[in-house]
Amino acid sequence: MLDVYRVEAGAKLVIAGGLSAEVIENMGDGEWLRIRLLSGDHPGEEELCHATDVLELA
């Protein structure tokens, strides 16, 4: 699991399911990031992503 405390807005991620996402906001709690999906069935959709769903920095 990636330490999401250090992930900044604008960072690109690979998340669960092999999806690509961009960080919009780091909630600062070490668990949640607000992201924008860049791939998959709903590109452009914004959602919360838990730290356990982050596979790697892209």
N, C-alpha and C. Protein backbone atom coordinates (compact mmCIF):
# COMPACT_ATOMS: atom_id res chain seq x y z
N MET A 1 0.85 -1.18 0.00
CA MET A 1 0.00 0.00 0.00
C MET A 1 0.89 1.24 0.00
N LEU A 2 0.57 2.17 -0.84
CA LEU A 2 1.30 3.43 -0.99
C LEU A 2 0.94 4.37 0.16
N ASP A 3 1.93 5.10 0.67
CA ASP A 3 1.69 6.11 1.70
C ASP A 3 1.04 7.32 1.04
N VAL A 4 -0.29 7.44 1.14
CA VAL A 4 -0.99 8.50 0.43
C VAL A 4 -0.82 9.88 1.05
N TYR A 5 -0.23 9.97 2.23
CA TYR A 5 0.07 11.29 2.81
C TYR A 5 0.94 12.12 1.86
N ARG A 6 1.80 11.46 1.10
CA ARG A 6 2.77 12.16 0.25
C ARG A 6 2.29 12.36 -1.18
N VAL A 7 1.14 11.86 -1.52
CA VAL A 7 0.63 11.99 -2.89
C VAL A 7 0.01 13.38 -3.07
N GLU A 8 0.48 14.10 -4.07
CA GLU A 8 0.02 15.47 -4.30
C GLU A 8 -1.01 15.53 -5.41
N ALA A 9 -1.81 16.59 -5.39
CA ALA A 9 -2.76 16.83 -6.47
C ALA A 9 -2.01 16.87 -7.80
N GLY A 10 -2.60 16.26 -8.81
CA GLY A 10 -1.98 16.20 -10.13
C GLY A 10 -1.24 14.90 -10.39
N ALA A 11 -0.96 14.15 -9.32
CA ALA A 11 -0.25 12.87 -9.49
C ALA A 11 -1.14 11.89 -10.25
N LYS A 12 -0.52 11.08 -11.07
CA LYS A 12 -1.23 10.04 -11.81
C LYS A 12 -1.05 8.72 -11.07
N LEU A 13 -2.12 7.94 -10.99
CA LEU A 13 -2.13 6.69 -10.25
C LEU A 13 -2.64 5.54 -11.11
N VAL A 14 -2.26 4.34 -10.73
CA VAL A 14 -2.93 3.13 -11.19
C VAL A 14 -3.67 2.61 -9.97
N ILE A 15 -4.99 2.43 -10.13
CA ILE A 15 -5.81 2.00 -9.01
C ILE A 15 -6.40 0.61 -9.29
N ALA A 16 -7.11 0.07 -8.31
CA ALA A 16 -7.72 -1.25 -8.44
C ALA A 16 -8.44 -1.38 -9.77
N GLY A 17 -8.32 -2.54 -10.37
CA GLY A 17 -8.92 -2.79 -11.66
C GLY A 17 -8.04 -2.36 -12.82
N GLY A 18 -6.82 -1.86 -12.50
CA GLY A 18 -5.89 -1.41 -13.53
C GLY A 18 -6.27 -0.09 -14.16
N LEU A 19 -7.15 0.66 -13.50
CA LEU A 19 -7.59 1.95 -14.03
C LEU A 19 -6.56 3.04 -13.77
N SER A 20 -6.53 4.01 -14.66
CA SER A 20 -5.68 5.19 -14.50
C SER A 20 -6.52 6.31 -13.89
N ALA A 21 -5.90 7.09 -13.02
CA ALA A 21 -6.60 8.19 -12.36
C ALA A 21 -5.64 9.32 -12.06
N GLU A 22 -6.19 10.51 -11.90
CA GLU A 22 -5.43 11.69 -11.51
C GLU A 22 -5.95 12.18 -10.17
N VAL A 23 -5.04 12.51 -9.27
CA VAL A 23 -5.44 13.01 -7.96
C VAL A 23 -5.90 14.46 -8.09
N ILE A 24 -7.10 14.73 -7.59
CA ILE A 24 -7.64 16.09 -7.57
C ILE A 24 -7.32 16.73 -6.22
N GLU A 25 -7.49 15.93 -5.15
CA GLU A 25 -7.27 16.45 -3.81
C GLU A 25 -6.83 15.32 -2.88
N ASN A 26 -5.85 15.61 -2.06
CA ASN A 26 -5.46 14.69 -0.99
C ASN A 26 -6.21 15.14 0.25
N MET A 27 -7.02 14.27 0.81
CA MET A 27 -7.85 14.62 1.95
C MET A 27 -7.03 14.84 3.23
N GLY A 28 -5.76 14.42 3.22
CA GLY A 28 -4.86 14.69 4.33
C GLY A 28 -5.03 13.78 5.53
N ASP A 29 -5.82 12.72 5.37
CA ASP A 29 -6.04 11.80 6.49
C ASP A 29 -5.26 10.49 6.36
N GLY A 30 -4.49 10.38 5.30
CA GLY A 30 -3.69 9.17 5.09
C GLY A 30 -4.48 8.00 4.53
N GLU A 31 -5.76 8.23 4.22
CA GLU A 31 -6.60 7.15 3.72
C GLU A 31 -7.32 7.46 2.41
N TRP A 32 -7.75 8.69 2.22
CA TRP A 32 -8.62 9.01 1.08
C TRP A 32 -8.01 10.05 0.16
N LEU A 33 -8.24 9.83 -1.15
CA LEU A 33 -7.87 10.77 -2.19
C LEU A 33 -9.11 11.02 -3.05
N ARG A 34 -9.32 12.25 -3.45
CA ARG A 34 -10.35 12.54 -4.45
C ARG A 34 -9.65 12.43 -5.81
N ILE A 35 -10.21 11.61 -6.69
CA ILE A 35 -9.57 11.34 -7.98
C ILE A 35 -10.52 11.60 -9.15
N ARG A 36 -9.92 11.73 -10.33
CA ARG A 36 -10.66 11.79 -11.59
C ARG A 36 -10.19 10.58 -12.40
N LEU A 37 -11.13 9.75 -12.81
CA LEU A 37 -10.79 8.58 -13.62
C LEU A 37 -10.32 9.03 -15.00
N LEU A 38 -9.27 8.41 -15.49
CA LEU A 38 -8.74 8.71 -16.81
C LEU A 38 -8.99 7.57 -17.80
N SER A 39 -9.43 6.42 -17.30
CA SER A 39 -9.69 5.27 -18.15
C SER A 39 -10.91 4.53 -17.61
N GLY A 40 -11.25 3.46 -18.30
CA GLY A 40 -12.40 2.66 -17.87
C GLY A 40 -13.68 3.11 -18.53
N ASP A 41 -14.80 2.70 -17.97
CA ASP A 41 -16.10 3.00 -18.55
C ASP A 41 -16.58 4.42 -18.31
N HIS A 42 -15.98 5.11 -17.33
CA HIS A 42 -16.46 6.45 -16.97
C HIS A 42 -15.32 7.46 -16.84
N PRO A 43 -14.52 7.65 -17.91
CA PRO A 43 -13.44 8.64 -17.80
C PRO A 43 -14.01 10.03 -17.51
N GLY A 44 -13.30 10.77 -16.68
CA GLY A 44 -13.73 12.10 -16.29
C GLY A 44 -14.55 12.12 -15.02
N GLU A 45 -15.05 10.96 -14.61
CA GLU A 45 -15.84 10.88 -13.38
C GLU A 45 -14.94 11.08 -12.17
N GLU A 46 -15.44 11.82 -11.18
CA GLU A 46 -14.70 12.04 -9.95
C GLU A 46 -15.25 11.15 -8.85
N GLU A 47 -14.35 10.64 -8.01
CA GLU A 47 -14.78 9.81 -6.89
C GLU A 47 -13.71 9.80 -5.81
N LEU A 48 -14.04 9.25 -4.66
CA LEU A 48 -13.06 9.04 -3.60
C LEU A 48 -12.40 7.69 -3.81
N CYS A 49 -11.12 7.64 -3.51
CA CYS A 49 -10.34 6.41 -3.64
C CYS A 49 -9.64 6.15 -2.31
N HIS A 50 -9.82 4.97 -1.76
CA HIS A 50 -9.17 4.60 -0.52
C HIS A 50 -7.74 4.17 -0.80
N ALA A 51 -6.86 4.38 0.16
CA ALA A 51 -5.43 4.05 0.01
C ALA A 51 -5.21 2.60 -0.39
N THR A 52 -6.06 1.71 0.08
CA THR A 52 -5.88 0.28 -0.25
C THR A 52 -6.17 -0.02 -1.71
N ASP A 53 -6.83 0.92 -2.43
CA ASP A 53 -7.12 0.72 -3.85
C ASP A 53 -6.04 1.30 -4.75
N VAL A 54 -5.07 2.00 -4.18
CA VAL A 54 -3.98 2.58 -4.98
C VAL A 54 -2.90 1.51 -5.17
N LEU A 55 -2.63 1.17 -6.43
CA LEU A 55 -1.63 0.15 -6.72
C LEU A 55 -0.24 0.74 -6.88
N GLU A 56 -0.15 1.88 -7.58
CA GLU A 56 1.17 2.51 -7.80
C GLU A 56 1.00 3.90 -8.37
N LEU A 57 2.06 4.68 -8.27
CA LEU A 57 2.13 5.96 -8.98
C LEU A 57 2.44 5.65 -10.44
N ALA A 58 1.78 6.34 -11.34
CA ALA A 58 2.01 6.08 -12.77
C ALA A 58 3.08 7.00 -13.32
